[in-house]
């Protein structure tokens, strides 16, 4: 079967207000310049469906930090992708994340992360989404190309309008780790599909709840519009046909 690629660049953007409560005095999402790579390197080979909203360059890297204390806070950043009806039922096989080694407090090989996958049926994560999968892993590739994570038990989405794919910087010790900017972002043009979720306790639960109890909204709503360099690859699962016999 010829591969199908669902590349979602700047499609119709939806705007949602910031929700939740502030985590602590001075904690804000902020950015430092990105290295500009990795273009479209490490594209999947022979995968039926590819989901992305970024254009392959990271102009900035974003973190949730308290400027007064110089400390970082764990948060989840995730993209919302549309699922074409022809691609259902869908199995998510791989998630790809770009990690910039040149940023302040850079992500490092071996850092713990969790990959989170949700299904949603109305294009608005602010009113809830269903968690379907967590993959606990560590960073294996920093810089030059996307870090590819083959999911141990690929989850299936039998029916959903939207796929949410995110990552949590689990190596961060909230309130202890120095300021960190782990989330690479493409800011050439926003698709309005990249979100952040932070909890009032400072550490997202396992699994994170959407919407979160703390800061929650599109990254655009925090004044840092753009698209996360987080991608996913799925396989359209064939529906088995029942065989009938005539006596």
Protein backbone atom coordinates (compact mmCIF):
# COMPACT_ATOMS: atom_id res chain seq x y z
CA UNK A 1 0.00 0.00 0.00
CA UNK A 2 1.32 3.42 -0.89
CA UNK A 3 2.21 5.45 2.22
CA UNK A 4 -0.22 8.23 3.17
CA UNK A 5 1.09 11.35 4.87
CA UNK A 6 -1.21 13.64 6.85
CA UNK A 7 1.02 16.71 7.16
CA UNK A 8 -0.91 19.38 9.03
CA UNK A 9 0.84 22.69 8.64
CA UNK A 10 -1.07 25.95 9.22
CA UNK A 11 -4.65 24.78 8.94
CA UNK A 12 -7.63 26.63 10.39
CA UNK A 13 -6.57 27.68 13.88
CA UNK A 14 -8.92 27.52 16.84
CA UNK A 15 -8.45 29.94 19.70
CA UNK A 16 -9.01 28.96 23.32
CA UNK A 17 -8.54 31.09 26.41
CA UNK A 18 -6.04 30.35 29.13
CA UNK A 19 -7.64 28.34 31.94
CA UNK A 20 -6.63 27.18 35.38
CA UNK A 21 -4.84 28.99 38.18
CA UNK A 22 -1.33 30.30 38.52
CA UNK A 23 1.10 27.77 39.96
CA UNK A 24 3.24 30.12 42.01
CA UNK A 25 4.30 33.72 42.00
CA UNK A 26 6.51 34.47 39.02
CA UNK A 27 6.06 31.14 37.21
CA UNK A 28 5.65 31.85 33.51
CA UNK A 29 6.17 30.20 30.16
CA UNK A 30 9.21 31.76 28.52
CA UNK A 31 11.48 31.08 25.56
CA UNK A 32 15.13 31.03 24.51
CA UNK A 33 16.38 30.85 20.88
CA UNK A 34 16.46 27.48 19.14
CA UNK A 35 19.19 26.00 16.97
CA UNK A 36 17.05 26.09 13.83
CA UNK A 37 17.25 22.36 12.95
CA UNK A 38 16.45 19.63 12.19
CA UNK A 39 14.51 20.41 8.99
CA UNK A 40 12.41 17.36 8.10
CA UNK A 41 15.07 14.82 9.00
CA UNK A 42 14.09 11.43 10.36
CA UNK A 43 10.78 11.25 8.50
CA UNK A 44 9.16 7.83 8.84
CA UNK A 45 9.88 5.33 6.11
CA UNK A 46 6.93 3.41 4.75
CA UNK A 47 4.55 4.47 7.51
CA UNK A 48 0.94 4.81 6.35
CA UNK A 49 0.01 7.98 8.26
CA UNK A 50 2.25 10.75 9.56
CA UNK A 51 0.99 13.54 11.81
CA UNK A 52 2.84 16.83 12.24
CA UNK A 53 2.13 20.54 12.53
CA UNK A 54 5.70 21.89 12.59
CA UNK A 55 7.71 22.89 9.52
CA UNK A 56 10.90 21.23 10.78
CA UNK A 57 12.65 24.23 12.34
CA UNK A 58 12.75 25.28 15.98
CA UNK A 59 13.00 29.02 16.35
CA UNK A 60 12.67 28.86 20.14
CA UNK A 61 12.59 26.52 23.13
CA UNK A 62 10.02 27.00 25.87
CA UNK A 63 9.99 26.19 29.57
CA UNK A 64 7.85 26.89 32.63
CA UNK A 65 10.13 28.65 35.10
CA UNK A 66 10.00 30.85 38.18
CA UNK A 67 12.19 33.83 37.39
CA UNK A 68 12.49 34.95 41.01
CA UNK A 69 13.98 31.64 42.18
CA UNK A 70 15.52 30.43 38.91
CA UNK A 71 13.74 27.08 39.19
CA UNK A 72 11.77 24.97 36.71
CA UNK A 73 8.35 23.32 36.82
CA UNK A 74 7.24 20.10 35.11
CA UNK A 75 4.57 20.50 32.44
CA UNK A 76 3.13 18.68 29.45
CA UNK A 77 3.21 20.06 25.93
CA UNK A 78 1.09 18.41 23.27
CA UNK A 79 -0.21 18.74 19.71
CA UNK A 80 -3.74 18.20 18.48
CA UNK A 81 -4.06 16.39 15.14
CA UNK A 82 -7.15 15.75 13.04
CA UNK A 83 -7.87 12.12 12.17
CA UNK A 84 -9.36 11.50 8.74
CA UNK A 85 -12.33 9.09 8.81
CA UNK A 86 -10.54 6.94 6.23
CA UNK A 87 -7.70 6.41 8.74
CA UNK A 88 -9.91 4.75 11.36
CA UNK A 89 -9.46 2.49 13.15
CA UNK A 90 -5.99 3.87 13.81
CA UNK A 91 -3.01 2.45 15.70
CA UNK A 92 -0.30 4.84 16.95
CA UNK A 93 3.10 3.20 16.46
CA UNK A 94 5.70 5.90 16.96
CA UNK A 95 6.17 9.36 18.48
CA UNK A 96 9.01 11.67 17.46
CA UNK A 97 10.27 14.60 19.52
CA UNK A 98 13.03 17.09 18.80
CA UNK A 99 15.35 18.00 21.66
CA UNK A 100 17.59 21.07 21.30
CA UNK A 101 21.02 20.67 22.97
CA UNK A 102 21.88 24.35 22.58
CA UNK A 103 19.17 25.74 24.88
CA UNK A 104 19.55 26.91 28.48
CA UNK A 105 19.40 23.93 30.86
CA UNK A 106 19.39 21.60 27.83
CA UNK A 107 17.67 18.21 27.67
CA UNK A 108 20.26 15.45 27.95
CA UNK A 109 20.50 11.85 26.84
CA UNK A 110 19.10 9.68 29.63
CA UNK A 111 16.62 12.27 30.95
CA UNK A 112 13.31 10.66 31.97
CA UNK A 113 10.16 11.57 30.03
CA UNK A 114 6.64 10.28 29.63
CA UNK A 115 4.84 10.26 26.29
CA UNK A 116 1.08 10.74 26.61
CA UNK A 117 -1.63 9.96 24.03
CA UNK A 118 -5.29 10.98 24.17
CA UNK A 119 -8.36 10.85 21.96
CA UNK A 120 -10.80 13.73 21.62
CA UNK A 121 -14.02 14.14 19.68
CA UNK A 122 -14.66 17.88 19.44
CA UNK A 123 -11.33 19.61 18.65
CA UNK A 124 -11.35 21.29 22.08
CA UNK A 125 -9.10 19.71 24.74
CA UNK A 126 -10.25 22.41 27.17
CA UNK A 127 -13.45 20.48 27.85
CA UNK A 128 -11.72 17.15 28.29
CA UNK A 129 -10.01 14.30 26.44
CA UNK A 130 -9.68 10.56 27.03
CA UNK A 131 -6.24 9.28 28.01
CA UNK A 132 -5.38 6.11 26.09
CA UNK A 133 -1.65 5.48 26.57
CA UNK A 134 1.53 6.33 28.52
CA UNK A 135 5.04 5.40 27.47
CA UNK A 136 7.76 5.98 30.07
CA UNK A 137 11.10 6.40 28.38
CA UNK A 138 14.34 8.38 28.32
CA UNK A 139 15.87 10.77 25.83
CA UNK A 140 18.13 8.91 23.39
CA UNK A 141 18.88 11.55 20.72
CA UNK A 142 19.60 15.24 21.27
CA UNK A 143 20.01 17.61 18.32
CA UNK A 144 20.36 17.15 14.52
CA UNK A 145 17.35 14.85 14.19
CA UNK A 146 14.09 13.83 15.87
CA UNK A 147 14.28 11.34 18.72
CA UNK A 148 12.06 8.43 17.62
CA UNK A 149 10.13 6.39 20.21
CA UNK A 150 8.60 3.13 19.01
CA UNK A 151 5.70 2.52 21.38
CA UNK A 152 5.96 -0.72 23.34
CA UNK A 153 2.25 -1.52 23.10
CA UNK A 154 0.87 0.63 20.27
CA UNK A 155 -2.54 1.96 21.31
CA UNK A 156 -5.55 1.80 19.04
CA UNK A 157 -8.10 4.54 18.40
CA UNK A 158 -11.23 2.88 17.00
CA UNK A 159 -13.15 6.14 16.66
CA UNK A 160 -11.92 9.67 17.33
CA UNK A 161 -11.88 13.02 15.54
CA UNK A 162 -8.66 14.17 17.16
CA UNK A 163 -5.40 12.67 18.33
CA UNK A 164 -3.50 14.42 21.14
CA UNK A 165 0.19 13.56 21.48
CA UNK A 166 2.27 15.07 24.26
CA UNK A 167 5.35 14.74 26.42
CA UNK A 168 6.17 15.51 30.07
CA UNK A 169 9.68 16.51 31.19
CA UNK A 170 9.76 14.00 34.08
CA UNK A 171 13.45 14.64 34.82
CA UNK A 172 12.53 18.07 36.19
CA UNK A 173 12.31 18.35 39.98
CA UNK A 174 9.69 21.06 40.34
CA UNK A 175 10.96 23.96 42.40
CA UNK A 176 14.45 22.45 42.61
CA UNK A 177 15.85 22.06 39.09
CA UNK A 178 17.36 25.17 37.53
CA UNK A 179 15.47 27.01 34.78
CA UNK A 180 15.00 24.71 31.80
CA UNK A 181 13.57 25.19 28.29
CA UNK A 182 12.83 21.68 27.01
CA UNK A 183 10.02 22.21 24.46
CA UNK A 184 11.24 22.95 20.92
CA UNK A 185 8.81 25.14 18.97
CA UNK A 186 8.42 26.17 15.33
CA UNK A 187 7.29 29.79 15.21
CA UNK A 188 7.25 30.39 11.45
CA UNK A 189 3.42 30.31 11.46
CA UNK A 190 1.06 28.91 14.05
CA UNK A 191 -1.55 26.24 13.41
CA UNK A 192 -3.21 26.92 16.79
CA UNK A 193 -2.91 23.23 17.69
CA UNK A 194 -0.11 23.22 20.27
CA UNK A 195 -1.08 23.18 23.94
CA UNK A 196 0.45 23.25 27.42
CA UNK A 197 -0.79 21.71 30.67
CA UNK A 198 0.63 22.41 34.13
CA UNK A 199 -0.84 21.40 37.47
CA UNK A 200 -1.44 23.38 40.64
CA UNK A 201 0.81 20.92 42.50
CA UNK A 202 3.66 21.57 40.08
CA UNK A 203 4.01 17.96 38.92
CA UNK A 204 1.56 16.43 36.41
CA UNK A 205 -0.14 13.29 37.73
CA UNK A 206 0.28 9.87 36.14
CA UNK A 207 -1.37 10.06 33.72
CA UNK A 208 -1.86 13.81 33.24
CA UNK A 209 -5.47 14.98 33.19
CA UNK A 210 -6.75 17.08 30.29
CA UNK A 211 -7.61 19.80 31.05
CA UNK A 212 -5.13 20.20 33.90
CA UNK A 213 -5.83 21.79 37.27
CA UNK A 214 -3.25 24.53 36.75
CA UNK A 215 -2.22 26.54 33.71
CA UNK A 216 -3.82 25.16 30.55
CA UNK A 217 -4.36 26.43 27.02
CA UNK A 218 -2.75 26.78 23.63
CA UNK A 219 0.81 28.03 23.81
CA UNK A 220 -0.45 30.89 21.63
CA UNK A 221 -2.67 32.03 24.52
CA UNK A 222 0.47 32.54 26.64
CA UNK A 223 1.95 34.89 24.04
CA UNK A 224 4.35 32.35 22.48
CA UNK A 225 2.49 31.24 19.34
CA UNK A 226 3.87 28.28 17.42
CA UNK A 227 3.91 24.54 16.82
CA UNK A 228 5.64 21.93 18.97
CA UNK A 229 8.19 19.69 17.27
CA UNK A 230 6.24 16.62 18.36
CA UNK A 231 5.06 14.19 15.68
CA UNK A 232 3.33 10.83 15.50
CA UNK A 233 3.07 7.94 13.07
CA UNK A 234 0.13 5.59 12.87
CA UNK A 235 -1.12 2.60 10.95
CA UNK A 236 -4.61 2.22 9.59
CA UNK A 237 -5.83 -1.04 11.13
CA UNK A 238 -7.72 -3.22 8.66
CA UNK A 239 -11.20 -4.25 9.70
CA UNK A 240 -11.62 -8.01 9.47
CA UNK A 241 -14.51 -9.02 7.22
CA UNK A 242 -16.84 -11.70 8.45
CA UNK A 243 -17.22 -14.75 6.22
CA UNK A 244 -20.71 -16.09 5.68
CA UNK A 245 -21.65 -19.44 4.17
CA UNK A 246 -24.89 -20.34 2.41
CA UNK A 247 -26.38 -23.78 3.02
